[in-house]
Amino acid sequence: MTENVSRFFERCDADPALRARIDEAVACYPGSLEIRESLVEAVLLPIAAELGLPFTVDELRAYETRKKLSRVKPDTPIEEGDEDEDADFAGYWLLDRGWENDVSIFNK
């Protein structure tokens, strides 16, 4: 099902309105490690399911891990369609994306 994850992000890249919808929802959450999976479950998964591209948190993690490993290892072959990915890469939802362990973010 990681195909659905890939298709979902392709659709996000191609659809500014979809990206804006996701960004608006994400803006409601602090960037804390403790809630990153909850954020994915609350924002990405419902939108993906609505688009007919359902996936799970574990499938997203597998997809991101594969992508991150291919970025770290320059000798890894680039898959078809991934050539331009670095140009608009926004980061990962589970593996980084500005997440931090600062609990004070909840006390604002």
N, C-alpha and C. Protein backbone atom coordinates (compact mmCIF):
# COMPACT_ATOMS: atom_id res chain seq x y z
N MET A 1 0.80 -1.20 0.00
CA MET A 1 0.00 0.00 0.00
C MET A 1 0.84 1.27 0.00
N THR A 2 2.18 1.12 0.10
CA THR A 2 2.99 2.33 0.05
C THR A 2 2.81 3.03 -1.30
N GLU A 3 2.25 2.32 -2.27
CA GLU A 3 1.92 2.96 -3.55
C GLU A 3 0.92 4.10 -3.31
N ASN A 4 -0.03 3.88 -2.42
CA ASN A 4 -0.99 4.93 -2.11
C ASN A 4 -0.31 6.14 -1.47
N VAL A 5 0.70 5.88 -0.64
CA VAL A 5 1.43 6.99 -0.02
C VAL A 5 2.10 7.81 -1.11
N SER A 6 2.77 7.13 -2.01
CA SER A 6 3.45 7.81 -3.11
C SER A 6 2.47 8.59 -3.97
N ARG A 7 1.34 7.97 -4.30
CA ARG A 7 0.33 8.65 -5.12
C ARG A 7 -0.25 9.86 -4.39
N PHE A 8 -0.45 9.71 -3.09
CA PHE A 8 -0.97 10.83 -2.29
C PHE A 8 -0.04 12.03 -2.36
N PHE A 9 1.26 11.81 -2.17
CA PHE A 9 2.19 12.93 -2.19
C PHE A 9 2.38 13.48 -3.60
N GLU A 10 2.24 12.65 -4.61
CA GLU A 10 2.25 13.15 -5.99
C GLU A 10 1.07 14.10 -6.20
N ARG A 11 -0.06 13.68 -5.68
CA ARG A 11 -1.27 14.50 -5.81
C ARG A 11 -1.11 15.82 -5.04
N CYS A 12 -0.53 15.75 -3.86
CA CYS A 12 -0.27 16.97 -3.07
C CYS A 12 0.65 17.92 -3.82
N ASP A 13 1.69 17.36 -4.42
CA ASP A 13 2.64 18.19 -5.18
C ASP A 13 1.96 18.89 -6.35
N ALA A 14 0.97 18.24 -6.94
CA ALA A 14 0.32 18.77 -8.13
C ALA A 14 -0.89 19.65 -7.84
N ASP A 15 -1.37 19.64 -6.61
CA ASP A 15 -2.62 20.32 -6.29
C ASP A 15 -2.41 21.37 -5.19
N PRO A 16 -2.26 22.63 -5.55
CA PRO A 16 -2.04 23.67 -4.54
C PRO A 16 -3.17 23.78 -3.52
N ALA A 17 -4.40 23.53 -3.94
CA ALA A 17 -5.53 23.61 -3.01
C ALA A 17 -5.44 22.50 -1.96
N LEU A 18 -5.02 21.32 -2.36
CA LEU A 18 -4.85 20.22 -1.42
C LEU A 18 -3.72 20.53 -0.45
N ARG A 19 -2.62 21.03 -0.96
CA ARG A 19 -1.50 21.42 -0.09
C ARG A 19 -1.94 22.48 0.91
N ALA A 20 -2.70 23.46 0.45
CA ALA A 20 -3.18 24.52 1.35
C ALA A 20 -4.09 23.95 2.43
N ARG A 21 -4.93 23.01 2.06
CA ARG A 21 -5.83 22.37 3.03
C ARG A 21 -5.03 21.64 4.11
N ILE A 22 -4.00 20.93 3.70
CA ILE A 22 -3.15 20.21 4.65
C ILE A 22 -2.37 21.19 5.51
N ASP A 23 -1.79 22.21 4.89
CA ASP A 23 -1.02 23.21 5.64
C ASP A 23 -1.88 23.91 6.67
N GLU A 24 -3.12 24.21 6.32
CA GLU A 24 -4.03 24.87 7.25
C GLU A 24 -4.32 23.98 8.45
N ALA A 25 -4.52 22.70 8.21
CA ALA A 25 -4.78 21.77 9.31
C ALA A 25 -3.54 21.60 10.18
N VAL A 26 -2.38 21.50 9.55
CA VAL A 26 -1.12 21.33 10.29
C VAL A 26 -0.82 22.54 11.16
N ALA A 27 -1.19 23.72 10.70
CA ALA A 27 -0.93 24.95 11.45
C ALA A 27 -1.61 24.95 12.82
N CYS A 28 -2.59 24.09 13.01
CA CYS A 28 -3.31 24.00 14.28
C CYS A 28 -2.56 23.18 15.33
N TYR A 29 -1.45 22.54 14.92
CA TYR A 29 -0.71 21.66 15.81
C TYR A 29 0.69 22.18 16.06
N PRO A 30 1.18 22.07 17.32
CA PRO A 30 2.58 22.43 17.56
C PRO A 30 3.49 21.35 16.96
N GLY A 31 4.70 21.70 16.64
CA GLY A 31 5.63 20.75 16.03
C GLY A 31 6.36 19.91 17.05
N SER A 32 5.66 19.11 17.80
CA SER A 32 6.27 18.31 18.85
C SER A 32 6.31 16.83 18.47
N LEU A 33 7.40 16.17 18.85
CA LEU A 33 7.56 14.74 18.58
C LEU A 33 6.41 13.91 19.14
N GLU A 34 5.90 14.32 20.28
CA GLU A 34 4.88 13.52 20.96
C GLU A 34 3.59 13.38 20.15
N ILE A 35 3.32 14.30 19.25
CA ILE A 35 2.05 14.24 18.53
C ILE A 35 2.19 13.97 17.04
N ARG A 36 3.38 13.66 16.57
CA ARG A 36 3.54 13.52 15.12
C ARG A 36 2.67 12.41 14.54
N GLU A 37 2.57 11.27 15.21
CA GLU A 37 1.70 10.21 14.69
C GLU A 37 0.24 10.61 14.78
N SER A 38 -0.13 11.30 15.85
CA SER A 38 -1.51 11.77 15.99
C SER A 38 -1.85 12.77 14.91
N LEU A 39 -0.90 13.63 14.56
CA LEU A 39 -1.11 14.59 13.49
C LEU A 39 -1.34 13.89 12.16
N VAL A 40 -0.54 12.88 11.89
CA VAL A 40 -0.72 12.10 10.66
C VAL A 40 -2.10 11.47 10.65
N GLU A 41 -2.49 10.89 11.80
CA GLU A 41 -3.80 10.24 11.89
C GLU A 41 -4.95 11.23 11.77
N ALA A 42 -4.77 12.44 12.28
CA ALA A 42 -5.83 13.44 12.27
C ALA A 42 -5.91 14.22 10.97
N VAL A 43 -4.79 14.38 10.28
CA VAL A 43 -4.76 15.23 9.09
C VAL A 43 -4.58 14.42 7.81
N LEU A 44 -3.45 13.74 7.69
CA LEU A 44 -3.14 13.08 6.42
C LEU A 44 -4.03 11.88 6.10
N LEU A 45 -4.20 11.00 7.06
CA LEU A 45 -4.93 9.76 6.77
C LEU A 45 -6.38 10.00 6.33
N PRO A 46 -7.12 10.89 7.00
CA PRO A 46 -8.49 11.14 6.53
C PRO A 46 -8.54 11.76 5.13
N ILE A 47 -7.63 12.67 4.85
CA ILE A 47 -7.61 13.29 3.53
C ILE A 47 -7.24 12.26 2.47
N ALA A 48 -6.26 11.43 2.77
CA ALA A 48 -5.86 10.38 1.83
C ALA A 48 -7.02 9.42 1.57
N ALA A 49 -7.71 9.02 2.62
CA ALA A 49 -8.85 8.11 2.46
C ALA A 49 -9.95 8.76 1.62
N GLU A 50 -10.18 10.05 1.87
CA GLU A 50 -11.19 10.79 1.11
C GLU A 50 -10.85 10.82 -0.39
N LEU A 51 -9.56 10.82 -0.70
CA LEU A 51 -9.11 10.83 -2.09
C LEU A 51 -9.04 9.43 -2.70
N GLY A 52 -9.41 8.42 -1.91
CA GLY A 52 -9.34 7.04 -2.39
C GLY A 52 -7.94 6.47 -2.37
N LEU A 53 -7.07 7.05 -1.52
CA LEU A 53 -5.69 6.61 -1.40
C LEU A 53 -5.34 6.29 0.05
N PRO A 54 -6.08 5.39 0.69
CA PRO A 54 -5.85 5.12 2.10
C PRO A 54 -4.49 4.48 2.35
N PHE A 55 -3.90 4.85 3.49
CA PHE A 55 -2.67 4.22 3.94
C PHE A 55 -2.61 4.34 5.45
N THR A 56 -1.67 3.64 6.06
CA THR A 56 -1.54 3.64 7.51
C THR A 56 -0.28 4.41 7.92
N VAL A 57 -0.16 4.67 9.21
CA VAL A 57 1.02 5.32 9.75
C VAL A 57 2.25 4.46 9.45
N ASP A 58 2.11 3.14 9.63
CA ASP A 58 3.24 2.24 9.36
C ASP A 58 3.65 2.27 7.89
N GLU A 59 2.70 2.37 7.00
CA GLU A 59 3.02 2.45 5.56
C GLU A 59 3.71 3.78 5.24
N LEU A 60 3.28 4.84 5.89
CA LEU A 60 3.94 6.13 5.71
C LEU A 60 5.37 6.06 6.22
N ARG A 61 5.56 5.44 7.39
CA ARG A 61 6.90 5.31 7.96
C ARG A 61 7.80 4.51 7.02
N ALA A 62 7.30 3.42 6.46
CA ALA A 62 8.09 2.61 5.53
C ALA A 62 8.45 3.41 4.29
N TYR A 63 7.51 4.15 3.77
CA TYR A 63 7.74 5.00 2.59
C TYR A 63 8.81 6.05 2.89
N GLU A 64 8.67 6.73 4.02
CA GLU A 64 9.63 7.77 4.38
C GLU A 64 11.01 7.20 4.64
N THR A 65 11.08 6.05 5.28
CA THR A 65 12.37 5.42 5.54
C THR A 65 13.07 5.09 4.23
N ARG A 66 12.32 4.53 3.30
CA ARG A 66 12.90 4.21 1.98
C ARG A 66 13.39 5.47 1.30
N LYS A 67 12.59 6.54 1.34
CA LYS A 67 12.98 7.81 0.72
C LYS A 67 14.22 8.39 1.40
N LYS A 68 14.23 8.37 2.73
CA LYS A 68 15.36 8.95 3.46
C LYS A 68 16.64 8.16 3.17
N LEU A 69 16.55 6.85 3.15
CA LEU A 69 17.73 6.03 2.86
C LEU A 69 18.25 6.30 1.45
N SER A 70 17.36 6.52 0.51
CA SER A 70 17.81 6.80 -0.86
C SER A 70 18.47 8.17 -0.95
N ARG A 71 18.12 9.09 -0.06
CA ARG A 71 18.75 10.41 -0.03
C ARG A 71 20.12 10.34 0.61
N VAL A 72 20.25 9.50 1.63
CA VAL A 72 21.51 9.39 2.37
C VAL A 72 22.57 8.67 1.55
N LYS A 73 22.16 7.70 0.77
CA LYS A 73 23.10 6.90 -0.02
C LYS A 73 23.08 7.38 -1.46
N PRO A 74 24.06 8.18 -1.84
CA PRO A 74 24.06 8.73 -3.19
C PRO A 74 24.19 7.69 -4.29
N ASP A 75 24.67 6.50 -3.97
CA ASP A 75 24.82 5.47 -5.00
C ASP A 75 23.55 4.65 -5.19
N THR A 76 22.49 4.95 -4.41
CA THR A 76 21.23 4.25 -4.56
C THR A 76 20.55 4.71 -5.85
N PRO A 77 20.10 3.77 -6.67
CA PRO A 77 19.44 4.17 -7.92
C PRO A 77 18.17 4.97 -7.65
N ILE A 78 17.96 6.00 -8.44
CA ILE A 78 16.75 6.81 -8.32
C ILE A 78 15.63 6.12 -9.08
N GLU A 79 14.49 5.99 -8.43
CA GLU A 79 13.34 5.36 -9.07
C GLU A 79 12.75 6.29 -10.11
N GLU A 80 12.11 5.71 -11.09
CA GLU A 80 11.47 6.51 -12.13
C GLU A 80 10.46 7.45 -11.50
N GLY A 81 10.53 8.71 -11.87
CA GLY A 81 9.61 9.72 -11.34
C GLY A 81 10.16 10.47 -10.15
N ASP A 82 11.26 10.01 -9.55
CA ASP A 82 11.82 10.66 -8.37
C ASP A 82 12.94 11.65 -8.71
N GLU A 83 13.23 11.83 -9.99
CA GLU A 83 14.38 12.66 -10.38
C GLU A 83 14.29 14.08 -9.87
N ASP A 84 13.12 14.68 -9.90
CA ASP A 84 12.96 16.08 -9.52
C ASP A 84 12.54 16.25 -8.07
N GLU A 85 12.53 15.19 -7.32
CA GLU A 85 12.00 15.23 -5.97
C GLU A 85 12.74 16.20 -5.06
N ASP A 86 14.06 16.30 -5.17
CA ASP A 86 14.82 17.17 -4.30
C ASP A 86 14.43 18.64 -4.47
N ALA A 87 14.00 19.02 -5.64
CA ALA A 87 13.68 20.41 -5.92
C ALA A 87 12.58 20.94 -5.01
N ASP A 88 11.52 20.14 -4.77
CA ASP A 88 10.45 20.63 -3.92
C ASP A 88 10.24 19.76 -2.68
N PHE A 89 11.28 19.15 -2.19
CA PHE A 89 11.16 18.28 -1.02
C PHE A 89 10.84 19.11 0.22
N ALA A 90 9.76 18.74 0.90
CA ALA A 90 9.30 19.50 2.07
C ALA A 90 9.65 18.84 3.39
N GLY A 91 10.23 17.67 3.38
CA GLY A 91 10.56 16.97 4.60
C GLY A 91 9.62 15.80 4.84
N TYR A 92 9.86 15.12 5.92
CA TYR A 92 9.11 13.91 6.24
C TYR A 92 8.08 14.20 7.33
N TRP A 93 7.00 13.46 7.32
CA TRP A 93 5.96 13.63 8.33
C TRP A 93 6.31 12.95 9.64
N LEU A 94 6.96 11.80 9.57
CA LEU A 94 7.26 11.06 10.78
C LEU A 94 8.73 11.11 11.18
N LEU A 95 9.63 11.26 10.22
CA LEU A 95 11.05 11.13 10.51
C LEU A 95 11.74 12.43 10.90
N ASP A 96 11.25 13.55 10.48
CA ASP A 96 11.82 14.82 10.93
C ASP A 96 10.78 15.92 10.87
N ARG A 97 10.69 16.68 9.84
CA ARG A 97 9.70 17.75 9.65
C ARG A 97 9.70 18.78 10.78
N GLY A 98 10.86 19.06 11.36
CA GLY A 98 10.94 20.09 12.39
C GLY A 98 10.42 19.65 13.75
N TRP A 99 10.22 18.36 13.93
CA TRP A 99 9.73 17.88 15.22
C TRP A 99 10.81 18.07 16.28
N GLU A 100 10.38 18.34 17.49
CA GLU A 100 11.32 18.54 18.59
C GLU A 100 10.72 18.00 19.88
N ASN A 101 11.57 17.83 20.87
CA ASN A 101 11.14 17.32 22.17
C ASN A 101 10.90 18.43 23.19
N ASP A 102 10.54 19.59 22.75
CA ASP A 102 10.34 20.72 23.62
C ASP A 102 8.89 20.75 24.13
N VAL A 103 8.68 20.26 25.35
CA VAL A 103 7.33 20.21 25.91
C VAL A 103 6.79 21.60 26.25
N SER A 104 7.65 22.58 26.33
CA SER A 104 7.19 23.94 26.64
C SER A 104 6.29 24.49 25.55
N ILE A 105 6.35 23.88 24.37
CA ILE A 105 5.51 24.33 23.25
C ILE A 105 4.02 24.19 23.59
N PHE A 106 3.72 23.28 24.51
CA PHE A 106 2.32 23.05 24.90
C PHE A 106 1.84 24.07 25.93
N ASN A 107 2.74 24.82 26.51
CA ASN A 107 2.40 25.77 27.56
C ASN A 107 2.20 27.18 27.05
N LYS A 108 2.03 27.35 25.77
CA LYS A 108 1.85 28.69 25.20
C LYS A 108 0.44 29.19 25.36
